[in-house]
Amino acid sequence: MTGRIALARRKLASARRLGGRRVLLVAEASLLLLAARIAVALLPFRRVARWLGTPVSPAALPPPTPRDRPDDRATLVSWAVRFAVGRLPVETVCLPQAMAARAMLKRRGIAATLHLGVWRDHKAAVEADPDTPPAHAWLEASGQRITGYPVDPALVEVAAFV
């Protein structure tokens, strides 16, 4: 029991160092990551796709126009998702991360584009690294990289959601 109390004290001290606003962001990111992870694991993709946004052809997307200055809110969302991913008891890969960050950005009125890509040569990618997933998801907002970066140049973008 003493070990659990010590762990709880360390977690509380760590949360105090983050500050109230960041603790709430991490809590939001954690809940959304878990919800997205469950959805991806249990639902067919056509149902998950409804949460991703409006599908558009990647070819129809204009090139991202970087802002003069990054949006601080988007930067905080990106940070919160990355921070939460490292502390959850389950693995959350690129798609749940992109889904959670997109939901957080949408709540803040920030438009984002979720991209899905597959490997040009998945067999070669798996030979190079057996843990290579069949696809990858990444999220950007106004040219700002949110999740899933860097994107491997061997990926071909097959879908985008706005």
C-alpha atoms as a PDB file:
ATOM      1  CA  MET A   1       0.000   0.000   0.000  1.00  0.00           C
ATOM      2  CA  THR A   2       2.862   2.373   0.773  1.00  0.00           C
ATOM      3  CA  GLY A   3       4.150   1.981  -2.798  1.00  0.00           C
ATOM      4  CA  ARG A   4       0.795   3.040  -4.229  1.00  0.00           C
ATOM      5  CA  ILE A   5       0.643   6.072  -1.969  1.00  0.00           C
ATOM      6  CA  ALA A   6       4.146   7.092  -3.017  1.00  0.00           C
ATOM      7  CA  LEU A   7       3.208   6.666  -6.677  1.00  0.00           C
ATOM      8  CA  ALA A   8       0.071   8.772  -6.197  1.00  0.00           C
ATOM      9  CA  ARG A   9       2.120  11.500  -4.502  1.00  0.00           C
ATOM     10  CA  ARG A  10       4.638  11.528  -7.362  1.00  0.00           C
ATOM     11  CA  LYS A  11       1.826  11.764  -9.921  1.00  0.00           C
ATOM     12  CA  LEU A  12       0.209  14.647  -8.031  1.00  0.00           C
ATOM     13  CA  ALA A  13       3.525  16.468  -7.753  1.00  0.00           C
ATOM     14  CA  SER A  14       4.097  15.954 -11.463  1.00  0.00           C
ATOM     15  CA  ALA A  15       0.626  17.306 -12.250  1.00  0.00           C
ATOM     16  CA  ARG A  16       1.242  20.377 -10.083  1.00  0.00           C
ATOM     17  CA  ARG A  17       4.416  21.118 -12.044  1.00  0.00           C
ATOM     18  CA  LEU A  18       2.444  21.016 -15.303  1.00  0.00           C
ATOM     19  CA  GLY A  19      -0.058  23.600 -14.153  1.00  0.00           C
ATOM     20  CA  GLY A  20      -3.846  23.459 -14.204  1.00  0.00           C
ATOM     21  CA  ARG A  21      -4.384  24.289 -17.867  1.00  0.00           C
ATOM     22  CA  ARG A  22      -1.944  21.670 -19.094  1.00  0.00           C
ATOM     23  CA  VAL A  23      -3.301  19.026 -16.732  1.00  0.00           C
ATOM     24  CA  LEU A  24      -6.760  19.577 -18.207  1.00  0.00           C
ATOM     25  CA  LEU A  25      -5.366  19.366 -21.742  1.00  0.00           C
ATOM     26  CA  VAL A  26      -3.594  16.097 -20.947  1.00  0.00           C
ATOM     27  CA  ALA A  27      -6.770  14.725 -19.341  1.00  0.00           C
ATOM     28  CA  GLU A  28      -8.784  15.676 -22.437  1.00  0.00           C
ATOM     29  CA  ALA A  29      -6.164  14.137 -24.718  1.00  0.00           C
ATOM     30  CA  SER A  30      -6.050  10.960 -22.626  1.00  0.00           C
ATOM     31  CA  LEU A  31      -9.812  10.468 -22.709  1.00  0.00           C
ATOM     32  CA  LEU A  32     -10.011  11.125 -26.440  1.00  0.00           C
ATOM     33  CA  LEU A  33      -7.049   8.835 -27.140  1.00  0.00           C
ATOM     34  CA  LEU A  34      -8.702   6.014 -25.221  1.00  0.00           C
ATOM     35  CA  ALA A  35     -12.050   6.589 -26.957  1.00  0.00           C
ATOM     36  CA  ALA A  36     -10.362   6.640 -30.368  1.00  0.00           C
ATOM     37  CA  ARG A  37      -8.341   3.533 -29.525  1.00  0.00           C
ATOM     38  CA  ILE A  38     -11.502   1.661 -28.555  1.00  0.00           C
ATOM     39  CA  ALA A  39     -13.341   2.869 -31.667  1.00  0.00           C
ATOM     40  CA  VAL A  40     -10.518   1.799 -33.985  1.00  0.00           C
ATOM     41  CA  ALA A  41     -10.291  -1.590 -32.276  1.00  0.00           C
ATOM     42  CA  LEU A  42     -14.012  -2.375 -32.226  1.00  0.00           C
ATOM     43  CA  LEU A  43     -15.738  -0.569 -35.075  1.00  0.00           C
ATOM     44  CA  PRO A  44     -15.546  -1.149 -38.821  1.00  0.00           C
ATOM     45  CA  PHE A  45     -13.557   1.530 -40.625  1.00  0.00           C
ATOM     46  CA  ARG A  46     -16.635   2.969 -42.366  1.00  0.00           C
ATOM     47  CA  ARG A  47     -18.001   3.891 -38.910  1.00  0.00           C
ATOM     48  CA  VAL A  48     -14.657   5.261 -37.711  1.00  0.00           C
ATOM     49  CA  ALA A  49     -14.354   7.292 -40.927  1.00  0.00           C
ATOM     50  CA  ARG A  50     -17.394   9.350 -39.895  1.00  0.00           C
ATOM     51  CA  TRP A  51     -15.333  10.710 -36.995  1.00  0.00           C
ATOM     52  CA  LEU A  52     -12.424  11.634 -39.237  1.00  0.00           C
ATOM     53  CA  GLY A  53     -14.218  14.445 -41.040  1.00  0.00           C
ATOM     54  CA  THR A  54     -15.409  15.019 -44.576  1.00  0.00           C
ATOM     55  CA  PRO A  55     -13.505  12.846 -47.049  1.00  0.00           C
ATOM     56  CA  VAL A  56     -11.745  14.687 -49.861  1.00  0.00           C
ATOM     57  CA  SER A  57      -9.392  13.552 -52.557  1.00  0.00           C
ATOM     58  CA  PRO A  58      -5.785  14.219 -51.557  1.00  0.00           C
ATOM     59  CA  ALA A  59      -5.237  15.622 -55.054  1.00  0.00           C
ATOM     60  CA  ALA A  60      -7.974  18.204 -54.440  1.00  0.00           C
ATOM     61  CA  LEU A  61      -6.289  19.582 -51.329  1.00  0.00           C
ATOM     62  CA  PRO A  62      -4.451  22.848 -51.771  1.00  0.00           C
ATOM     63  CA  PRO A  63      -0.873  22.742 -50.530  1.00  0.00           C
ATOM     64  CA  PRO A  64      -0.718  23.729 -46.869  1.00  0.00           C
ATOM     65  CA  THR A  65       0.061  27.366 -46.352  1.00  0.00           C
ATOM     66  CA  PRO A  66       2.204  27.746 -43.269  1.00  0.00           C
ATOM     67  CA  ARG A  67       1.262  30.565 -40.966  1.00  0.00           C
ATOM     68  CA  ASP A  68       3.702  33.315 -40.128  1.00  0.00           C
ATOM     69  CA  ARG A  69       3.536  32.135 -36.558  1.00  0.00           C
ATOM     70  CA  PRO A  70       2.356  28.743 -35.261  1.00  0.00           C
ATOM     71  CA  ASP A  71      -1.023  28.702 -33.540  1.00  0.00           C
ATOM     72  CA  ASP A  72      -0.269  28.321 -29.835  1.00  0.00           C
ATOM     73  CA  ARG A  73      -3.483  26.374 -29.269  1.00  0.00           C
ATOM     74  CA  ALA A  74      -2.566  23.838 -31.961  1.00  0.00           C
ATOM     75  CA  THR A  75       0.935  23.562 -30.519  1.00  0.00           C
ATOM     76  CA  LEU A  76      -0.521  22.830 -27.074  1.00  0.00           C
ATOM     77  CA  VAL A  77      -2.883  20.211 -28.497  1.00  0.00           C
ATOM     78  CA  SER A  78       0.030  18.518 -30.249  1.00  0.00           C
ATOM     79  CA  TRP A  79       2.043  18.573 -27.036  1.00  0.00           C
ATOM     80  CA  ALA A  80      -0.854  17.239 -24.927  1.00  0.00           C
ATOM     81  CA  VAL A  81      -1.474  14.302 -27.258  1.00  0.00           C
ATOM     82  CA  ARG A  82       2.223  13.369 -27.353  1.00  0.00           C
ATOM     83  CA  PHE A  83       2.476  13.741 -23.567  1.00  0.00           C
ATOM     84  CA  ALA A  84      -0.606  11.587 -22.945  1.00  0.00           C
ATOM     85  CA  VAL A  85       0.497   8.883 -25.407  1.00  0.00           C
ATOM     86  CA  GLY A  86       3.614   8.268 -23.365  1.00  0.00           C
ATOM     87  CA  ARG A  87       1.668   7.843 -20.157  1.00  0.00           C
ATOM     88  CA  LEU A  88      -1.324   5.722 -21.106  1.00  0.00           C
ATOM     89  CA  PRO A  89      -1.405   2.049 -20.129  1.00  0.00           C
ATOM     90  CA  VAL A  90      -2.314   1.054 -23.703  1.00  0.00           C
ATOM     91  CA  GLU A  91      -0.581   1.676 -26.998  1.00  0.00           C
ATOM     92  CA  THR A  92      -2.179   4.344 -29.157  1.00  0.00           C
ATOM     93  CA  VAL A  93      -0.797   4.412 -32.663  1.00  0.00           C
ATOM     94  CA  CYS A  94      -1.054   7.091 -35.324  1.00  0.00           C
ATOM     95  CA  LEU A  95      -4.776   6.912 -36.183  1.00  0.00           C
ATOM     96  CA  PRO A  96      -6.116   7.290 -32.621  1.00  0.00           C
ATOM     97  CA  GLN A  97      -3.574  10.070 -32.058  1.00  0.00           C
ATOM     98  CA  ALA A  98      -4.737  11.926 -35.162  1.00  0.00           C
ATOM     99  CA  MET A  99      -8.387  11.382 -34.233  1.00  0.00           C
ATOM    100  CA  ALA A 100      -7.898  12.692 -30.692  1.00  0.00           C
ATOM    101  CA  ALA A 101      -5.922  15.731 -31.812  1.00  0.00           C
ATOM    102  CA  ARG A 102      -8.459  16.495 -34.552  1.00  0.00           C
ATOM    103  CA  ALA A 103     -11.304  16.404 -32.027  1.00  0.00           C
ATOM    104  CA  MET A 104      -9.380  18.708 -29.695  1.00  0.00           C
ATOM    105  CA  LEU A 105      -8.611  21.152 -32.501  1.00  0.00           C
ATOM    106  CA  LYS A 106     -12.207  21.107 -33.720  1.00  0.00           C
ATOM    107  CA  ARG A 107     -13.396  21.941 -30.198  1.00  0.00           C
ATOM    108  CA  ARG A 108     -11.148  24.992 -30.338  1.00  0.00           C
ATOM    109  CA  GLY A 109     -12.363  26.079 -33.778  1.00  0.00           C
ATOM    110  CA  ILE A 110      -9.131  25.144 -35.553  1.00  0.00           C
ATOM    111  CA  ALA A 111      -9.493  23.480 -38.948  1.00  0.00           C
ATOM    112  CA  ALA A 112      -7.296  20.453 -39.522  1.00  0.00           C
ATOM    113  CA  THR A 113      -6.682  17.885 -42.227  1.00  0.00           C
ATOM    114  CA  LEU A 114      -6.254  14.229 -41.362  1.00  0.00           C
ATOM    115  CA  HIS A 115      -4.235  12.302 -43.940  1.00  0.00           C
ATOM    116  CA  LEU A 116      -4.105   8.544 -44.503  1.00  0.00           C
ATOM    117  CA  GLY A 117      -1.315   6.882 -46.434  1.00  0.00           C
ATOM    118  CA  VAL A 118      -0.133   3.419 -47.388  1.00  0.00           C
ATOM    119  CA  TRP A 119       3.321   2.165 -48.310  1.00  0.00           C
ATOM    120  CA  ARG A 120       4.294   2.144 -51.968  1.00  0.00           C
ATOM    121  CA  ASP A 121       5.913  -1.225 -51.289  1.00  0.00           C
ATOM    122  CA  HIS A 122       4.611  -2.620 -48.016  1.00  0.00           C
ATOM    123  CA  LYS A 123       6.516  -5.878 -48.437  1.00  0.00           C
ATOM    124  CA  ALA A 124       9.846  -4.031 -48.620  1.00  0.00           C
ATOM    125  CA  ALA A 125       8.867  -1.861 -45.649  1.00  0.00           C
ATOM    126  CA  VAL A 126       8.065  -4.955 -43.573  1.00  0.00           C
ATOM    127  CA  GLU A 127      11.337  -6.583 -44.581  1.00  0.00           C
ATOM    128  CA  ALA A 128      13.171  -3.485 -43.364  1.00  0.00           C
ATOM    129  CA  ASP A 129      11.129  -3.332 -40.144  1.00  0.00           C
ATOM    130  CA  PRO A 130       8.759  -6.189 -39.230  1.00  0.00           C
ATOM    131  CA  ASP A 131       6.722  -3.852 -37.002  1.00  0.00           C
ATOM    132  CA  THR A 132       5.773  -1.615 -39.935  1.00  0.00           C
ATOM    133  CA  PRO A 133       2.007  -1.008 -39.933  1.00  0.00           C
ATOM    134  CA  PRO A 134       0.113  -1.321 -43.224  1.00  0.00           C
ATOM    135  CA  ALA A 135      -0.894   2.347 -43.165  1.00  0.00           C
ATOM    136  CA  HIS A 136      -0.152   5.645 -41.450  1.00  0.00           C
ATOM    137  CA  ALA A 137      -2.214   8.647 -40.336  1.00  0.00           C
ATOM    138  CA  TRP A 138      -0.994  12.176 -39.773  1.00  0.00           C
ATOM    139  CA  LEU A 139      -2.656  15.460 -38.935  1.00  0.00           C
ATOM    140  CA  GLU A 140      -1.854  19.015 -39.908  1.00  0.00           C
ATOM    141  CA  ALA A 141      -3.541  22.324 -39.226  1.00  0.00           C
ATOM    142  CA  SER A 142      -2.726  25.366 -41.390  1.00  0.00           C
ATOM    143  CA  GLY A 143       0.574  23.847 -42.396  1.00  0.00           C
ATOM    144  CA  GLN A 144       1.448  23.088 -38.776  1.00  0.00           C
ATOM    145  CA  ARG A 145       2.453  19.495 -38.007  1.00  0.00           C
ATOM    146  CA  ILE A 146       0.268  18.126 -35.224  1.00  0.00           C
ATOM    147  CA  THR A 147       0.635  14.316 -35.092  1.00  0.00           C
ATOM    148  CA  GLY A 148       2.193  11.528 -37.135  1.00  0.00           C
ATOM    149  CA  TYR A 149       5.293  13.370 -38.277  1.00  0.00           C
ATOM    150  CA  PRO A 150       7.725  12.887 -39.844  1.00  0.00           C
ATOM    151  CA  VAL A 151       5.875  11.253 -42.729  1.00  0.00           C
ATOM    152  CA  ASP A 152       7.935   8.638 -44.534  1.00  0.00           C
ATOM    153  CA  PRO A 153       8.419   9.559 -48.217  1.00  0.00           C
ATOM    154  CA  ALA A 154       7.644   5.925 -49.104  1.00  0.00           C
ATOM    155  CA  LEU A 155       4.007   6.553 -48.128  1.00  0.00           C
ATOM    156  CA  VAL A 156       1.371   7.344 -50.729  1.00  0.00           C
ATOM    157  CA  GLU A 157      -1.489   9.475 -49.473  1.00  0.00           C
ATOM    158  CA  VAL A 158      -4.746   7.710 -50.315  1.00  0.00           C
ATOM    159  CA  ALA A 159      -7.310   9.707 -48.354  1.00  0.00           C
ATOM    160  CA  ALA A 160      -7.747  12.994 -46.591  1.00  0.00           C
ATOM    161  CA  PHE A 161     -10.436  14.265 -44.267  1.00  0.00           C
ATOM    162  CA  VAL A 162     -11.218  17.917 -43.546  1.00  0.00           C
END
